């Protein structure tokens, strides 16, 4: 909601025509009511992870990579109009879906997850929602946290020896995310993140992402490779 819209009517709400409520089947003591849209799940953990590691992951990826390519843009639908942003976001989401399919083979199928990704990408491009890059990408320390959308699924992938390179690359674009709100301000948490960065990439990975500076040497090396590669691309974009 913009400031102008809130002033016009503070009770005005924008919403999607999404009508499915996923909930924990085991949380009901009495028979589950027959209500259209209720979707009780036996293994709610799988569905919580689907929300974090596909929906939230894709959302943040589009914001971070979209801002990298189009720092002048305001809305999410604008950057997703770039086929490079759309295709990269889709690849990141599919890489994460492959990991979830390995972890939860009894809860998902490849087609179900693929259809879910297509539906999400369609919803992300809803112009009427006016979802901003700032709103979607801000609060970088939380979104890059040890158990959140990027690092959470990467930690699932490592013991399974599954690919996570695109997910890690997507996370690395967050280090260059400088979106501001409609008043030209960055969020307080993003300022804290920037302060970490001024003290070095390894310190940031340790404080924000939970990297162990000894045990996670491989991850640190891989992340730094993406970080510096993006730095060089950023300089080329600026010229």
Protein backbone atom coordinates (compact mmCIF):
# COMPACT_ATOMS: atom_id res chain seq x y z
CA UNK A 1 0.00 0.00 0.00
CA UNK A 2 1.34 3.43 -0.93
CA UNK A 3 1.10 6.40 1.43
CA UNK A 4 -1.48 7.98 -0.91
CA UNK A 5 -3.66 4.84 -0.87
CA UNK A 6 -3.51 4.58 2.93
CA UNK A 7 -4.50 8.26 3.27
CA UNK A 8 -7.41 7.74 0.88
CA UNK A 9 -8.77 4.76 2.81
CA UNK A 10 -6.79 3.13 5.67
CA UNK A 11 -9.08 0.09 5.53
CA UNK A 12 -8.41 -0.56 1.85
CA UNK A 13 -6.68 -3.91 1.26
CA UNK A 14 -5.18 -5.50 -1.85
CA UNK A 15 -5.29 -9.28 -2.03
CA UNK A 16 -4.76 -12.09 -4.52
CA UNK A 17 -7.52 -14.47 -5.62
CA UNK A 18 -5.66 -17.24 -3.79
CA UNK A 19 -8.05 -19.41 -1.82
CA UNK A 20 -6.07 -22.33 -0.39
CA UNK A 21 -5.24 -22.53 3.32
CA UNK A 22 -2.63 -25.17 4.10
CA UNK A 23 -2.72 -26.33 7.71
CA UNK A 24 -1.58 -29.11 10.03
CA UNK A 25 -3.94 -32.07 9.86
CA UNK A 26 -2.63 -33.34 13.20
CA UNK A 27 -3.61 -30.10 14.90
CA UNK A 28 -7.32 -30.92 14.85
CA UNK A 29 -8.86 -32.61 17.89
CA UNK A 30 -12.31 -32.82 16.30
CA UNK A 31 -13.26 -33.80 12.73
CA UNK A 32 -11.84 -31.43 10.14
CA UNK A 33 -14.60 -29.12 8.91
CA UNK A 34 -15.61 -29.42 5.29
CA UNK A 35 -14.70 -25.90 4.24
CA UNK A 36 -13.77 -25.04 0.68
CA UNK A 37 -10.12 -24.02 0.46
CA UNK A 38 -8.94 -25.82 3.59
CA UNK A 39 -6.03 -28.10 2.73
CA UNK A 40 -4.97 -30.22 5.76
CA UNK A 41 -1.54 -31.84 5.43
CA UNK A 42 -0.23 -34.90 7.25
CA UNK A 43 3.40 -33.73 7.19
CA UNK A 44 3.12 -29.98 7.70
CA UNK A 45 6.92 -29.61 7.89
CA UNK A 46 7.19 -30.47 4.20
CA UNK A 47 4.74 -27.73 3.31
CA UNK A 48 6.37 -25.17 5.58
CA UNK A 49 9.63 -25.92 3.79
CA UNK A 50 7.91 -25.64 0.40
CA UNK A 51 6.73 -22.14 1.37
CA UNK A 52 10.19 -21.09 2.57
CA UNK A 53 12.37 -22.78 -0.01
CA UNK A 54 10.29 -22.24 -3.15
CA UNK A 55 7.89 -19.34 -2.59
CA UNK A 56 10.02 -17.15 -0.31
CA UNK A 57 13.21 -18.16 -2.12
CA UNK A 58 11.79 -17.25 -5.51
CA UNK A 59 10.41 -13.97 -4.25
CA UNK A 60 13.75 -12.85 -2.83
CA UNK A 61 15.68 -14.11 -5.86
CA UNK A 62 13.55 -12.02 -8.22
CA UNK A 63 14.06 -8.94 -6.02
CA UNK A 64 17.82 -9.33 -5.62
CA UNK A 65 18.69 -10.30 -9.18
CA UNK A 66 16.04 -7.95 -10.54
CA UNK A 67 17.54 -5.02 -8.65
CA UNK A 68 21.02 -5.98 -9.85
CA UNK A 69 19.90 -5.76 -13.47
CA UNK A 70 17.42 -2.90 -13.03
CA UNK A 71 18.37 -0.70 -10.04
CA UNK A 72 16.01 2.00 -11.32
CA UNK A 73 12.94 -0.27 -11.09
CA UNK A 74 10.34 0.02 -8.33
CA UNK A 75 8.04 -2.97 -8.72
CA UNK A 76 8.61 -6.71 -8.83
CA UNK A 77 6.53 -7.12 -11.98
CA UNK A 78 8.85 -4.66 -13.76
CA UNK A 79 11.99 -6.73 -13.26
CA UNK A 80 10.18 -10.00 -14.01
CA UNK A 81 9.35 -8.50 -17.40
CA UNK A 82 13.04 -9.08 -18.15
CA UNK A 83 13.32 -12.66 -19.43
CA UNK A 84 16.78 -12.97 -17.86
CA UNK A 85 15.37 -12.25 -14.39
CA UNK A 86 12.36 -14.48 -14.94
CA UNK A 87 14.41 -17.42 -16.27
CA UNK A 88 17.08 -17.16 -13.56
CA UNK A 89 14.43 -17.02 -10.83
CA UNK A 90 12.72 -20.07 -12.30
CA UNK A 91 15.99 -22.04 -12.42
CA UNK A 92 16.75 -21.20 -8.78
CA UNK A 93 13.27 -22.32 -7.71
CA UNK A 94 13.58 -25.57 -9.67
CA UNK A 95 16.97 -26.32 -8.12
CA UNK A 96 15.43 -25.91 -4.69
CA UNK A 97 12.42 -28.01 -5.71
CA UNK A 98 14.74 -30.88 -6.66
CA UNK A 99 16.20 -30.80 -3.16
CA UNK A 100 12.76 -30.78 -1.53
CA UNK A 101 11.67 -33.68 -3.73
CA UNK A 102 14.64 -35.67 -2.44
CA UNK A 103 13.88 -34.79 1.19
CA UNK A 104 10.10 -35.29 0.96
CA UNK A 105 9.46 -37.94 -1.74
CA UNK A 106 6.15 -38.98 -0.13
CA UNK A 107 4.74 -35.45 -0.03
CA UNK A 108 5.53 -34.00 -3.45
CA UNK A 109 5.89 -34.98 -7.07
CA UNK A 110 8.09 -33.28 -9.65
CA UNK A 111 5.04 -32.15 -11.63
CA UNK A 112 3.29 -30.74 -8.57
CA UNK A 113 6.32 -28.66 -7.65
CA UNK A 114 6.85 -27.55 -11.24
CA UNK A 115 3.20 -26.46 -11.52
CA UNK A 116 3.53 -24.65 -8.19
CA UNK A 117 6.56 -22.74 -9.47
CA UNK A 118 4.74 -21.70 -12.65
CA UNK A 119 1.78 -20.50 -10.58
CA UNK A 120 4.01 -18.51 -8.25
CA UNK A 121 5.87 -16.81 -11.09
CA UNK A 122 2.51 -15.86 -12.59
CA UNK A 123 1.38 -14.43 -9.24
CA UNK A 124 4.67 -12.57 -8.71
CA UNK A 125 3.93 -10.64 -11.93
CA UNK A 126 0.55 -9.37 -10.74
CA UNK A 127 0.68 -5.64 -11.53
CA UNK A 128 -2.36 -4.85 -9.39
CA UNK A 129 -0.49 -5.82 -6.20
CA UNK A 130 2.20 -3.21 -6.84
CA UNK A 131 4.67 -5.29 -4.84
CA UNK A 132 7.92 -3.33 -4.58
CA UNK A 133 11.50 -4.57 -4.78
CA UNK A 134 12.10 -2.80 -1.49
CA UNK A 135 9.35 -4.68 0.35
CA UNK A 136 10.27 -8.06 -1.10
CA UNK A 137 14.03 -7.76 -0.62
CA UNK A 138 14.47 -5.67 2.52
CA UNK A 139 15.58 -7.14 5.88
CA UNK A 140 18.55 -8.88 4.31
CA UNK A 141 20.00 -10.25 7.60
CA UNK A 142 16.83 -12.26 8.23
CA UNK A 143 16.46 -13.48 4.67
CA UNK A 144 20.09 -14.61 4.55
CA UNK A 145 19.85 -16.20 8.01
CA UNK A 146 21.12 -19.73 8.73
CA UNK A 147 17.69 -21.37 8.51
CA UNK A 148 15.90 -19.06 6.11
CA UNK A 149 15.08 -19.34 2.38
CA UNK A 150 18.62 -19.54 0.99
CA UNK A 151 20.81 -21.12 3.64
CA UNK A 152 18.06 -23.40 4.93
CA UNK A 153 17.75 -25.28 1.65
CA UNK A 154 21.50 -25.18 1.00
CA UNK A 155 22.03 -26.94 4.34
CA UNK A 156 19.55 -29.58 3.19
CA UNK A 157 21.40 -30.03 -0.11
CA UNK A 158 24.92 -30.47 1.26
CA UNK A 159 24.55 -33.88 2.98
CA UNK A 160 22.51 -35.10 0.00
CA UNK A 161 25.35 -34.03 -2.32
CA UNK A 162 22.87 -32.13 -4.47
CA UNK A 163 23.56 -29.02 -6.52
CA UNK A 164 22.89 -25.65 -4.88
CA UNK A 165 25.08 -23.38 -7.01
CA UNK A 166 22.20 -21.35 -8.45
CA UNK A 167 20.68 -20.86 -4.99
CA UNK A 168 24.01 -19.65 -3.66
CA UNK A 169 24.43 -17.31 -6.63
CA UNK A 170 20.95 -15.90 -6.04
CA UNK A 171 21.80 -15.28 -2.39
CA UNK A 172 25.00 -13.52 -3.43
CA UNK A 173 23.03 -10.84 -5.31
CA UNK A 174 21.62 -9.76 -1.94
CA UNK A 175 25.02 -8.30 -1.11
CA UNK A 176 24.41 -5.69 -3.82
CA UNK A 177 20.77 -4.96 -3.00
CA UNK A 178 20.31 -1.24 -2.27
CA UNK A 179 16.58 -0.68 -2.84
CA UNK A 180 14.90 2.15 -0.94
CA UNK A 181 11.33 2.86 0.11
CA UNK A 182 9.14 5.58 -1.43
CA UNK A 183 10.83 8.16 0.81
CA UNK A 184 14.30 7.15 -0.36
CA UNK A 185 15.23 5.31 2.83
CA UNK A 186 16.75 1.89 3.30
CA UNK A 187 15.48 -0.35 6.08
CA UNK A 188 17.26 -0.29 9.42
CA UNK A 189 18.21 -3.96 9.10
CA UNK A 190 19.72 -3.40 5.66
CA UNK A 191 21.86 -0.60 7.09
CA UNK A 192 23.10 -3.06 9.71
CA UNK A 193 23.88 -5.52 6.91
CA UNK A 194 25.86 -2.85 5.06
CA UNK A 195 27.83 -2.16 8.21
CA UNK A 196 28.81 -5.84 8.37
CA UNK A 197 29.90 -5.71 4.74
CA UNK A 198 32.22 -2.78 5.38
CA UNK A 199 34.06 -5.10 7.79
CA UNK A 200 34.50 -7.87 5.25
CA UNK A 201 32.62 -10.59 3.39
CA UNK A 202 33.78 -13.41 5.69
CA UNK A 203 32.61 -11.59 8.81
CA UNK A 204 29.25 -10.98 7.10
CA UNK A 205 28.89 -14.65 6.18
CA UNK A 206 29.67 -15.59 9.76
CA UNK A 207 27.41 -13.05 11.48
CA UNK A 208 24.48 -13.16 9.06
CA UNK A 209 24.51 -16.57 7.35
CA UNK A 210 25.93 -18.55 10.25
CA UNK A 211 28.99 -19.81 8.37
CA UNK A 212 31.58 -21.48 10.56
CA UNK A 213 34.88 -19.91 9.50
CA UNK A 214 36.65 -23.28 9.88
CA UNK A 215 34.07 -25.93 9.03
CA UNK A 216 32.45 -24.03 6.14
CA UNK A 217 35.58 -23.19 4.17
CA UNK A 218 34.16 -24.72 0.97
CA UNK A 219 30.94 -22.71 1.27
CA UNK A 220 32.87 -19.54 2.02
CA UNK A 221 35.08 -20.05 -1.02
CA UNK A 222 32.05 -20.70 -3.27
CA UNK A 223 30.19 -17.65 -1.95
CA UNK A 224 33.19 -15.37 -2.35
CA UNK A 225 33.58 -16.57 -5.92
CA UNK A 226 29.99 -15.53 -6.68
CA UNK A 227 30.42 -12.29 -4.73
CA UNK A 228 33.47 -11.12 -6.65
CA UNK A 229 32.11 -12.32 -9.99
CA UNK A 230 28.98 -10.22 -9.40
CA UNK A 231 31.20 -7.29 -8.40
CA UNK A 232 32.95 -7.46 -11.77
CA UNK A 233 29.62 -7.76 -13.61
CA UNK A 234 28.27 -4.81 -11.66
CA UNK A 235 31.21 -2.66 -12.75
CA UNK A 236 30.65 -3.69 -16.37
CA UNK A 237 26.94 -2.81 -16.10
CA UNK A 238 27.86 0.63 -14.72
CA UNK A 239 30.17 1.51 -17.60
